[in-house]
Amino acid sequence: GVGGSGAQKVNATGKVFNLNRLSDFPGTYHGISRGLTLIEGKMHAKLTNQIGVVMYLAGQTEGLASSLGAQAFEVHLKN
């Protein structure tokens, strides 16, 4: 991401919109997130992939990091 620093582990849940087929879910998601982690913290993000699938995430973080700005996440499905 851009606009943050540190290292953190994220455990998040959220809602997905504009998902017409499961095969549309994997990919690179870009968006804005914000959060502050000093041992434990919270994060919020809105991410969109190249097909238009949108994820709104909220979760718990562990580590020492701050994030505010553009983020990119690679999402893969596992069996």
Protein backbone atom coordinates (compact mmCIF):
# COMPACT_ATOMS: atom_id res chain seq x y z
CA GLY A 1 0.00 0.00 0.00
CA VAL A 2 0.86 3.66 -0.17
CA GLY A 3 0.46 6.05 2.74
CA GLY A 4 1.20 3.64 5.58
CA SER A 5 4.07 1.94 7.32
CA GLY A 6 4.87 -1.05 9.52
CA ALA A 7 3.80 -4.68 9.46
CA GLN A 8 0.52 -6.17 10.53
CA LYS A 9 -1.61 -9.31 10.40
CA VAL A 10 -5.24 -8.68 9.41
CA ASN A 11 -8.31 -10.81 10.16
CA ALA A 12 -11.27 -9.20 8.39
CA THR A 13 -14.85 -9.89 7.41
CA GLY A 14 -17.15 -7.93 5.19
CA LYS A 15 -19.67 -7.76 2.40
CA VAL A 16 -19.18 -8.30 -1.31
CA PHE A 17 -21.20 -6.52 -4.01
CA ASN A 18 -21.45 -6.87 -7.81
CA LEU A 19 -20.41 -10.54 -7.70
CA ASN A 20 -22.25 -12.29 -10.54
CA ARG A 21 -20.05 -15.42 -10.75
CA LEU A 22 -17.60 -16.91 -8.24
CA SER A 23 -14.93 -16.76 -10.95
CA ASP A 24 -15.19 -12.92 -10.80
CA PHE A 25 -13.97 -12.88 -7.18
CA PRO A 26 -10.19 -13.56 -7.54
CA GLY A 27 -7.97 -10.75 -8.75
CA THR A 28 -6.23 -7.58 -7.71
CA TYR A 29 -8.31 -5.29 -5.52
CA HIS A 30 -7.48 -1.59 -5.19
CA GLY A 31 -8.96 0.94 -2.85
CA ILE A 32 -8.72 3.00 0.28
CA SER A 33 -8.13 1.67 3.77
CA ARG A 34 -7.52 3.21 7.14
CA GLY A 35 -6.34 1.83 10.43
CA LEU A 36 -3.85 2.06 13.25
CA THR A 37 -2.24 -0.93 14.90
CA LEU A 38 -0.26 -0.70 18.11
CA ILE A 39 -0.20 -4.36 19.23
CA GLU A 40 -3.94 -4.69 18.39
CA GLY A 41 -6.21 -2.41 16.38
CA LYS A 42 -8.96 -2.09 13.81
CA MET A 43 -9.05 -1.57 10.05
CA HIS A 44 -11.67 -0.57 7.48
CA ALA A 45 -11.36 -0.83 3.71
CA LYS A 46 -13.34 -0.46 0.49
CA LEU A 47 -11.70 -2.42 -2.33
CA THR A 48 -12.67 -2.93 -5.99
CA ASN A 49 -11.22 -5.39 -8.51
CA GLN A 50 -10.79 -5.02 -12.28
CA ILE A 51 -14.24 -6.51 -12.98
CA GLY A 52 -16.08 -4.18 -10.59
CA VAL A 53 -16.53 -6.54 -7.63
CA VAL A 54 -16.53 -4.43 -4.45
CA MET A 55 -15.55 -5.56 -0.93
CA TYR A 56 -16.25 -3.55 2.22
CA LEU A 57 -14.05 -5.00 4.98
CA ALA A 58 -13.71 -4.39 8.71
CA GLY A 59 -11.39 -6.32 10.95
CA GLN A 60 -8.88 -6.70 13.70
CA THR A 61 -5.16 -6.17 13.22
CA GLU A 62 -2.08 -7.25 15.13
CA GLY A 63 1.40 -5.75 14.92
CA LEU A 64 2.73 -2.23 14.66
CA ALA A 65 1.49 -0.31 11.62
CA SER A 66 -0.55 2.56 10.31
CA SER A 67 -2.48 2.63 7.06
CA LEU A 68 -4.27 5.49 5.42
CA GLY A 69 -4.36 5.66 1.68
CA ALA A 70 -4.25 3.55 -1.45
CA GLN A 71 -3.94 -0.19 -1.02
CA ALA A 72 -3.69 -3.17 -3.37
CA PHE A 73 -4.50 -6.76 -2.43
CA GLU A 74 -4.20 -9.93 -4.48
CA VAL A 75 -7.11 -12.34 -3.81
CA HIS A 76 -6.98 -16.06 -4.66
CA LEU A 77 -9.50 -18.86 -4.04
CA LYS A 78 -8.34 -22.12 -2.44
CA ASN A 79 -10.03 -25.51 -2.32
